[in-house]
N, C-alpha and C. Protein backbone atom coordinates (compact mmCIF):
# COMPACT_ATOMS: atom_id res chain seq x y z
N MET A 1 34.64 19.86 -44.98
CA MET A 1 35.36 19.03 -45.91
C MET A 1 34.82 19.31 -47.29
N HIS A 2 35.72 19.39 -48.26
CA HIS A 2 35.32 19.64 -49.64
C HIS A 2 36.26 18.89 -50.55
N GLY A 3 35.71 18.20 -51.54
CA GLY A 3 36.53 17.50 -52.53
C GLY A 3 35.84 17.50 -53.88
N MET A 4 36.63 17.68 -54.93
CA MET A 4 36.12 17.60 -56.29
C MET A 4 37.13 16.83 -57.12
N HIS A 5 36.65 16.10 -58.12
CA HIS A 5 37.53 15.39 -59.05
C HIS A 5 36.98 15.62 -60.44
N SER A 6 37.70 16.42 -61.24
CA SER A 6 37.17 16.84 -62.53
C SER A 6 37.12 15.72 -63.56
N VAL A 7 37.93 14.68 -63.42
CA VAL A 7 37.91 13.60 -64.41
C VAL A 7 36.57 12.87 -64.40
N VAL A 8 35.98 12.70 -63.24
CA VAL A 8 34.71 11.98 -63.13
C VAL A 8 33.56 12.89 -62.69
N ASP A 9 33.79 14.20 -62.68
CA ASP A 9 32.77 15.18 -62.28
C ASP A 9 32.18 14.87 -60.91
N TRP A 10 33.04 14.51 -59.98
CA TRP A 10 32.60 14.15 -58.62
C TRP A 10 32.72 15.36 -57.69
N LEU A 11 31.74 15.50 -56.83
CA LEU A 11 31.74 16.53 -55.79
C LEU A 11 31.34 15.89 -54.47
N SER A 12 32.01 16.29 -53.43
CA SER A 12 31.62 15.90 -52.09
C SER A 12 31.97 17.04 -51.15
N PHE A 13 31.03 17.36 -50.28
CA PHE A 13 31.34 18.30 -49.21
C PHE A 13 30.53 17.91 -47.98
N ALA A 14 31.06 18.28 -46.84
CA ALA A 14 30.38 17.97 -45.58
C ALA A 14 30.72 19.05 -44.57
N VAL A 15 29.78 19.30 -43.68
CA VAL A 15 29.95 20.32 -42.64
C VAL A 15 29.53 19.71 -41.31
N TRP A 16 30.40 19.88 -40.32
CA TRP A 16 30.10 19.45 -38.96
C TRP A 16 30.04 20.68 -38.07
N GLU A 17 29.18 20.65 -37.10
CA GLU A 17 29.13 21.70 -36.08
C GLU A 17 29.12 21.02 -34.72
N ASP A 18 30.08 21.37 -33.89
CA ASP A 18 30.22 20.77 -32.56
C ASP A 18 30.22 19.25 -32.63
N GLY A 19 30.90 18.71 -33.63
CA GLY A 19 31.04 17.26 -33.77
C GLY A 19 29.85 16.57 -34.41
N LEU A 20 28.82 17.30 -34.79
CA LEU A 20 27.63 16.71 -35.41
C LEU A 20 27.63 17.02 -36.90
N LEU A 21 27.37 16.00 -37.71
CA LEU A 21 27.27 16.19 -39.15
C LEU A 21 25.98 16.96 -39.45
N ILE A 22 26.12 18.12 -40.07
CA ILE A 22 24.99 18.98 -40.39
C ILE A 22 24.54 18.77 -41.83
N ARG A 23 25.51 18.70 -42.74
CA ARG A 23 25.21 18.56 -44.15
C ARG A 23 26.30 17.76 -44.82
N SER A 24 25.90 16.82 -45.67
CA SER A 24 26.86 16.05 -46.44
C SER A 24 26.25 15.72 -47.79
N LEU A 25 27.02 15.96 -48.84
CA LEU A 25 26.57 15.67 -50.20
C LEU A 25 27.73 15.05 -50.96
N SER A 26 27.47 13.96 -51.65
CA SER A 26 28.46 13.33 -52.51
C SER A 26 27.73 12.82 -53.74
N LEU A 27 28.18 13.29 -54.93
CA LEU A 27 27.50 12.88 -56.15
C LEU A 27 28.41 12.99 -57.36
N SER A 28 28.08 12.22 -58.38
CA SER A 28 28.76 12.26 -59.67
C SER A 28 27.77 11.76 -60.71
N PRO A 29 27.99 12.08 -61.99
CA PRO A 29 27.04 11.63 -63.00
C PRO A 29 26.99 10.11 -63.13
N ASP A 30 28.11 9.44 -62.97
CA ASP A 30 28.12 7.98 -63.09
C ASP A 30 27.59 7.29 -61.84
N GLY A 31 27.93 7.82 -60.68
CA GLY A 31 27.53 7.19 -59.42
C GLY A 31 26.22 7.69 -58.86
N GLY A 32 25.71 8.80 -59.41
CA GLY A 32 24.49 9.39 -58.89
C GLY A 32 24.73 10.04 -57.54
N ILE A 33 23.67 10.21 -56.80
CA ILE A 33 23.76 10.82 -55.47
C ILE A 33 24.11 9.71 -54.48
N ARG A 34 25.32 9.74 -53.98
CA ARG A 34 25.79 8.72 -53.03
C ARG A 34 25.41 9.06 -51.60
N GLU A 35 25.40 10.35 -51.31
CA GLU A 35 25.04 10.78 -49.96
C GLU A 35 24.40 12.15 -50.05
N ASN A 36 23.31 12.33 -49.34
CA ASN A 36 22.61 13.60 -49.30
C ASN A 36 21.96 13.71 -47.92
N ILE A 37 22.75 14.19 -46.97
CA ILE A 37 22.33 14.25 -45.57
C ILE A 37 22.15 15.70 -45.17
N GLY A 38 21.09 16.00 -44.50
CA GLY A 38 20.85 17.34 -43.98
C GLY A 38 20.16 18.24 -44.98
N LYS A 39 19.79 19.40 -44.50
CA LYS A 39 19.08 20.37 -45.31
C LYS A 39 20.06 21.08 -46.25
N PRO A 40 19.72 21.17 -47.55
CA PRO A 40 20.60 21.89 -48.47
C PRO A 40 20.79 23.34 -48.05
N TYR A 41 21.99 23.85 -48.27
CA TYR A 41 22.29 25.24 -47.98
C TYR A 41 21.66 26.14 -49.05
N ASP A 42 21.53 27.41 -48.72
CA ASP A 42 20.92 28.37 -49.66
C ASP A 42 21.66 28.39 -51.00
N PHE A 43 22.99 28.29 -51.00
CA PHE A 43 23.74 28.35 -52.26
C PHE A 43 23.44 27.15 -53.15
N GLU A 44 22.92 26.05 -52.58
CA GLU A 44 22.59 24.86 -53.37
C GLU A 44 21.23 24.96 -54.05
N LEU A 45 20.32 25.71 -53.47
CA LEU A 45 18.92 25.69 -53.90
C LEU A 45 18.72 25.97 -55.39
N PRO A 46 19.38 26.97 -55.98
CA PRO A 46 19.17 27.19 -57.42
C PRO A 46 19.61 25.98 -58.27
N TYR A 47 20.60 25.25 -57.81
CA TYR A 47 21.07 24.07 -58.55
C TYR A 47 20.02 22.96 -58.50
N TRP A 48 19.50 22.68 -57.31
CA TRP A 48 18.48 21.65 -57.16
C TRP A 48 17.18 22.05 -57.86
N ALA A 49 16.93 23.35 -58.00
CA ALA A 49 15.71 23.83 -58.66
C ALA A 49 15.82 23.81 -60.18
N GLY A 50 16.96 23.38 -60.71
CA GLY A 50 17.12 23.28 -62.16
C GLY A 50 17.53 24.57 -62.83
N GLU A 51 18.02 25.55 -62.07
CA GLU A 51 18.41 26.82 -62.66
C GLU A 51 19.79 26.80 -63.31
N HIS A 52 20.52 25.71 -63.16
CA HIS A 52 21.86 25.58 -63.75
C HIS A 52 21.99 24.24 -64.47
N PRO A 53 21.15 24.01 -65.50
CA PRO A 53 21.22 22.72 -66.20
C PRO A 53 22.51 22.59 -67.01
N VAL A 54 22.90 21.36 -67.29
CA VAL A 54 24.07 21.09 -68.13
C VAL A 54 23.58 21.08 -69.57
N GLU A 55 24.12 22.00 -70.36
CA GLU A 55 23.72 22.11 -71.76
C GLU A 55 24.47 21.08 -72.60
N PRO A 56 23.83 20.51 -73.62
CA PRO A 56 24.52 19.57 -74.51
C PRO A 56 25.70 20.25 -75.20
N VAL A 57 26.72 19.48 -75.51
CA VAL A 57 27.90 20.00 -76.20
C VAL A 57 27.56 20.09 -77.69
N PRO A 58 27.66 21.28 -78.28
CA PRO A 58 27.33 21.42 -79.70
C PRO A 58 28.21 20.52 -80.57
N GLY A 59 27.59 19.87 -81.54
CA GLY A 59 28.33 19.04 -82.48
C GLY A 59 28.52 17.60 -82.05
N TRP A 60 28.13 17.24 -80.84
CA TRP A 60 28.26 15.86 -80.38
C TRP A 60 26.93 15.16 -80.63
N PRO A 61 26.91 14.17 -81.49
CA PRO A 61 25.64 13.49 -81.77
C PRO A 61 25.24 12.54 -80.64
N ASN A 62 23.97 12.23 -80.60
CA ASN A 62 23.41 11.21 -79.70
C ASN A 62 23.76 11.44 -78.23
N GLN A 63 23.70 12.66 -77.78
CA GLN A 63 23.99 12.94 -76.38
C GLN A 63 22.75 12.65 -75.53
N ALA A 64 22.95 11.85 -74.53
CA ALA A 64 21.87 11.60 -73.57
C ALA A 64 21.79 12.79 -72.63
N PRO A 65 20.65 13.03 -72.03
CA PRO A 65 20.55 14.12 -71.05
C PRO A 65 21.53 13.86 -69.89
N TYR A 66 22.08 14.93 -69.36
CA TYR A 66 23.00 14.80 -68.23
C TYR A 66 22.23 14.17 -67.07
N PRO A 67 22.81 13.20 -66.40
CA PRO A 67 22.06 12.44 -65.38
C PRO A 67 21.76 13.18 -64.08
N LEU A 68 22.27 14.37 -63.92
CA LEU A 68 22.00 15.17 -62.73
C LEU A 68 21.39 16.50 -63.16
N PRO A 69 20.66 17.18 -62.29
CA PRO A 69 20.04 18.45 -62.68
C PRO A 69 21.03 19.61 -62.82
N PHE A 70 22.32 19.37 -62.53
CA PHE A 70 23.36 20.40 -62.61
C PHE A 70 24.70 19.70 -62.70
N HIS A 71 25.73 20.45 -63.04
CA HIS A 71 27.07 19.88 -63.10
C HIS A 71 27.68 19.94 -61.69
N PRO A 72 28.14 18.81 -61.15
CA PRO A 72 28.68 18.81 -59.78
C PRO A 72 29.82 19.80 -59.55
N LEU A 73 30.67 20.00 -60.56
CA LEU A 73 31.80 20.91 -60.35
C LEU A 73 31.35 22.37 -60.27
N ALA A 74 30.26 22.70 -60.96
CA ALA A 74 29.72 24.07 -60.85
C ALA A 74 29.20 24.30 -59.43
N LEU A 75 28.46 23.34 -58.90
CA LEU A 75 28.01 23.46 -57.51
C LEU A 75 29.21 23.42 -56.56
N GLY A 76 30.21 22.64 -56.89
CA GLY A 76 31.41 22.55 -56.06
C GLY A 76 32.12 23.88 -55.91
N GLU A 77 32.18 24.65 -56.99
CA GLU A 77 32.79 25.98 -56.91
C GLU A 77 31.98 26.89 -55.99
N GLN A 78 30.65 26.80 -56.07
CA GLN A 78 29.81 27.62 -55.19
C GLN A 78 29.96 27.18 -53.73
N ALA A 79 30.13 25.87 -53.53
CA ALA A 79 30.35 25.37 -52.17
C ALA A 79 31.67 25.91 -51.62
N LEU A 80 32.71 25.91 -52.45
CA LEU A 80 34.00 26.48 -52.01
C LEU A 80 33.83 27.94 -51.58
N ARG A 81 33.13 28.70 -52.40
CA ARG A 81 32.93 30.12 -52.09
C ARG A 81 32.14 30.29 -50.80
N ALA A 82 31.04 29.55 -50.68
CA ALA A 82 30.16 29.72 -49.51
C ALA A 82 30.82 29.22 -48.23
N LEU A 83 31.55 28.12 -48.31
CA LEU A 83 32.11 27.51 -47.11
C LEU A 83 33.50 28.05 -46.75
N PHE A 84 34.29 28.41 -47.77
CA PHE A 84 35.68 28.79 -47.51
C PHE A 84 36.07 30.17 -48.01
N GLY A 85 35.21 30.80 -48.82
CA GLY A 85 35.48 32.17 -49.25
C GLY A 85 36.30 32.33 -50.50
N PHE A 86 36.52 31.26 -51.27
CA PHE A 86 37.28 31.38 -52.51
C PHE A 86 36.80 30.34 -53.52
N VAL A 87 37.22 30.51 -54.77
CA VAL A 87 36.96 29.52 -55.82
C VAL A 87 38.29 29.10 -56.42
N VAL A 88 38.28 27.94 -57.07
CA VAL A 88 39.50 27.44 -57.71
C VAL A 88 39.44 27.69 -59.21
N GLU A 89 38.35 27.29 -59.85
CA GLU A 89 38.24 27.43 -61.30
C GLU A 89 37.12 28.37 -61.72
N GLY A 90 36.32 28.80 -60.78
CA GLY A 90 35.22 29.69 -61.12
C GLY A 90 35.69 31.12 -61.28
N HIS A 91 34.75 32.00 -61.55
CA HIS A 91 35.08 33.42 -61.70
C HIS A 91 35.10 34.06 -60.32
N PRO A 92 36.26 34.58 -59.90
CA PRO A 92 36.33 35.20 -58.57
C PRO A 92 35.47 36.46 -58.50
N GLU A 93 34.90 36.66 -57.35
CA GLU A 93 34.13 37.88 -57.09
C GLU A 93 34.98 38.82 -56.25
N SER A 94 34.59 40.06 -56.18
CA SER A 94 35.42 41.09 -55.53
C SER A 94 35.70 40.78 -54.06
N ASP A 95 34.79 40.10 -53.38
CA ASP A 95 35.02 39.83 -51.95
C ASP A 95 35.56 38.43 -51.70
N ASP A 96 35.92 37.69 -52.76
CA ASP A 96 36.54 36.37 -52.57
C ASP A 96 37.96 36.53 -52.03
N ILE A 97 38.38 35.57 -51.26
CA ILE A 97 39.76 35.52 -50.77
C ILE A 97 40.66 35.15 -51.94
N ASP A 98 41.82 35.79 -52.04
CA ASP A 98 42.82 35.40 -53.03
C ASP A 98 43.58 34.20 -52.45
N ALA A 99 43.16 33.01 -52.84
CA ALA A 99 43.72 31.78 -52.25
C ALA A 99 45.22 31.67 -52.48
N GLU A 100 45.72 32.23 -53.57
CA GLU A 100 47.16 32.13 -53.85
C GLU A 100 47.97 33.04 -52.93
N ALA A 101 47.32 33.99 -52.28
CA ALA A 101 48.02 34.90 -51.38
C ALA A 101 48.05 34.38 -49.94
N VAL A 102 47.40 33.28 -49.67
CA VAL A 102 47.37 32.72 -48.32
C VAL A 102 48.61 31.85 -48.12
N HIS A 103 49.39 32.17 -47.13
CA HIS A 103 50.60 31.41 -46.84
C HIS A 103 50.26 30.25 -45.91
N LEU A 104 50.75 29.08 -46.24
CA LEU A 104 50.50 27.89 -45.44
C LEU A 104 51.82 27.37 -44.88
N HIS A 105 51.74 26.76 -43.74
CA HIS A 105 52.91 26.12 -43.15
C HIS A 105 52.97 24.68 -43.63
N GLY A 106 54.16 24.22 -43.91
CA GLY A 106 54.36 22.84 -44.30
C GLY A 106 55.13 22.11 -43.22
N PHE A 107 54.83 20.86 -43.05
CA PHE A 107 55.49 20.06 -42.03
C PHE A 107 55.97 18.75 -42.66
N ARG A 108 57.06 18.26 -42.19
CA ARG A 108 57.59 16.99 -42.66
C ARG A 108 57.71 16.07 -41.45
N VAL A 109 57.11 14.89 -41.57
CA VAL A 109 57.19 13.91 -40.50
C VAL A 109 58.32 12.96 -40.87
N THR A 110 59.22 12.76 -39.95
CA THR A 110 60.36 11.90 -40.23
C THR A 110 60.37 10.70 -39.31
N ASP A 111 61.09 9.71 -39.73
CA ASP A 111 61.27 8.48 -38.96
C ASP A 111 62.73 8.46 -38.49
N PRO A 112 63.00 8.88 -37.27
CA PRO A 112 64.39 9.00 -36.81
C PRO A 112 65.16 7.69 -36.86
N SER A 113 64.49 6.57 -36.67
CA SER A 113 65.20 5.29 -36.66
C SER A 113 65.44 4.75 -38.06
N GLY A 114 64.63 5.18 -39.04
CA GLY A 114 64.76 4.67 -40.40
C GLY A 114 64.07 3.34 -40.62
N GLU A 115 63.52 2.74 -39.57
CA GLU A 115 62.90 1.42 -39.69
C GLU A 115 61.66 1.45 -40.58
N GLU A 116 60.82 2.47 -40.42
CA GLU A 116 59.59 2.53 -41.22
C GLU A 116 59.91 2.67 -42.70
N GLN A 117 60.87 3.53 -43.04
CA GLN A 117 61.24 3.72 -44.45
C GLN A 117 61.84 2.43 -45.01
N ALA A 118 62.66 1.76 -44.25
CA ALA A 118 63.26 0.50 -44.72
C ALA A 118 62.17 -0.54 -44.97
N ALA A 119 61.18 -0.61 -44.10
CA ALA A 119 60.08 -1.56 -44.28
C ALA A 119 59.27 -1.22 -45.52
N ARG A 120 59.02 0.08 -45.75
CA ARG A 120 58.29 0.50 -46.95
C ARG A 120 59.06 0.12 -48.21
N GLU A 121 60.36 0.40 -48.23
CA GLU A 121 61.17 0.09 -49.40
C GLU A 121 61.21 -1.40 -49.66
N ALA A 122 61.26 -2.22 -48.61
CA ALA A 122 61.24 -3.67 -48.79
C ALA A 122 59.90 -4.13 -49.35
N ALA A 123 58.81 -3.54 -48.88
CA ALA A 123 57.48 -3.89 -49.40
C ALA A 123 57.35 -3.49 -50.86
N TYR A 124 57.87 -2.30 -51.23
CA TYR A 124 57.83 -1.87 -52.62
C TYR A 124 58.64 -2.82 -53.50
N ALA A 125 59.82 -3.20 -53.05
CA ALA A 125 60.66 -4.12 -53.83
C ALA A 125 59.96 -5.45 -54.03
N GLN A 126 59.31 -5.94 -53.00
CA GLN A 126 58.58 -7.21 -53.11
C GLN A 126 57.42 -7.07 -54.10
N ALA A 127 56.72 -5.97 -54.05
CA ALA A 127 55.60 -5.74 -54.98
C ALA A 127 56.10 -5.66 -56.42
N ARG A 128 57.24 -4.97 -56.64
CA ARG A 128 57.79 -4.88 -57.99
C ARG A 128 58.18 -6.25 -58.52
N ARG A 129 58.74 -7.10 -57.66
CA ARG A 129 59.11 -8.45 -58.09
C ARG A 129 57.88 -9.27 -58.48
N ALA A 130 56.76 -9.04 -57.79
CA ALA A 130 55.54 -9.82 -58.05
C ALA A 130 54.78 -9.33 -59.27
N MET A 131 55.09 -8.14 -59.76
CA MET A 131 54.35 -7.58 -60.89
C MET A 131 54.88 -8.11 -62.21
N SER A 132 53.98 -8.23 -63.19
CA SER A 132 54.41 -8.62 -64.53
C SER A 132 54.96 -7.39 -65.25
N SER A 133 55.50 -7.60 -66.41
CA SER A 133 56.04 -6.50 -67.20
C SER A 133 54.92 -5.54 -67.58
N PRO A 134 55.25 -4.26 -67.72
CA PRO A 134 54.21 -3.30 -68.09
C PRO A 134 53.68 -3.57 -69.50
N ARG A 135 52.41 -3.24 -69.69
CA ARG A 135 51.76 -3.39 -71.00
C ARG A 135 51.13 -2.04 -71.36
N ARG A 136 51.08 -1.73 -72.63
CA ARG A 136 50.51 -0.48 -73.08
C ARG A 136 49.45 -0.77 -74.14
N PHE A 137 48.36 -0.02 -74.08
CA PHE A 137 47.26 -0.20 -75.02
C PHE A 137 46.95 1.13 -75.68
N ARG A 138 46.42 1.06 -76.89
CA ARG A 138 46.04 2.25 -77.63
C ARG A 138 44.67 2.01 -78.26
N LEU A 139 43.87 3.06 -78.33
CA LEU A 139 42.56 2.97 -78.95
C LEU A 139 42.73 2.84 -80.45
N GLY A 140 42.17 1.78 -81.03
CA GLY A 140 42.29 1.54 -82.47
C GLY A 140 41.16 2.21 -83.24
N PRO A 141 41.27 2.21 -84.56
CA PRO A 141 40.24 2.84 -85.39
C PRO A 141 38.87 2.16 -85.26
N ASP A 142 38.87 0.92 -84.79
CA ASP A 142 37.60 0.20 -84.60
C ASP A 142 36.95 0.52 -83.25
N GLY A 143 37.61 1.39 -82.46
CA GLY A 143 37.07 1.77 -81.16
C GLY A 143 37.46 0.84 -80.04
N ALA A 144 38.21 -0.23 -80.35
CA ALA A 144 38.65 -1.18 -79.31
C ALA A 144 40.08 -0.88 -78.91
N MET A 145 40.44 -1.33 -77.70
CA MET A 145 41.80 -1.14 -77.22
C MET A 145 42.67 -2.28 -77.74
N HIS A 146 43.85 -1.92 -78.28
CA HIS A 146 44.78 -2.90 -78.82
C HIS A 146 46.12 -2.74 -78.12
N GLU A 147 46.73 -3.86 -77.75
CA GLU A 147 48.04 -3.78 -77.09
C GLU A 147 49.10 -3.38 -78.11
N VAL A 148 49.99 -2.47 -77.69
CA VAL A 148 51.10 -2.04 -78.53
C VAL A 148 52.39 -2.26 -77.76
N SER A 149 53.48 -2.38 -78.50
CA SER A 149 54.76 -2.59 -77.82
C SER A 149 55.18 -1.29 -77.13
N LEU A 150 55.98 -1.41 -76.11
CA LEU A 150 56.43 -0.22 -75.39
C LEU A 150 57.33 0.64 -76.27
N GLU A 151 58.02 0.03 -77.22
CA GLU A 151 58.90 0.78 -78.11
C GLU A 151 58.11 1.62 -79.11
N SER A 152 56.91 1.18 -79.50
CA SER A 152 56.14 1.89 -80.52
C SER A 152 55.37 3.07 -79.95
N SER A 153 55.34 3.23 -78.64
CA SER A 153 54.58 4.33 -78.06
C SER A 153 55.47 5.47 -77.80
C-alpha cells in the first residue's frame, strides 16, 4: 500500500508478506510520525540518516526548521520506485516502468434494481435541504479571513 498527499506533505506506505505486516510508515510535517512499524528498508536509510534534508526556501523570512529529517514526498517517490518500479513526480531512471504505458482494466459495479441509487439520491436531497446557504471567504490585507458575497467572487 502506498499513499501520498502533496497538500499536507503526507506519506504512508505498508508492506505485508503472507498476511503479516512487515513495514508500515505514516508521517507528515504537521502530524509527525504517526506509524513506524518494522525495520526500515534500505531505500529509507539515507533519508533517516539526514542525507536528504529539506532546505529553507530562499527569500522566505522566519522559516522554522522542517519538522522531519526529510521531505515525506521525496521518500514517497523512492518508496514507489522500490516497491512498485516507477515514480510519479520524481526523475525516472532507465530501468523504471513507464507507468503511463501500463494498461489497466476498469470495472463498473451496477445496481440492477436501482434501489441503492434511489436511496443515495434521497439521502443527498435530505442533506442538501438541511444545509445552509453557501458562504465564501477571502483572505484580507490584515491576514484574516473575511466573508464576501457570492456575486463578488
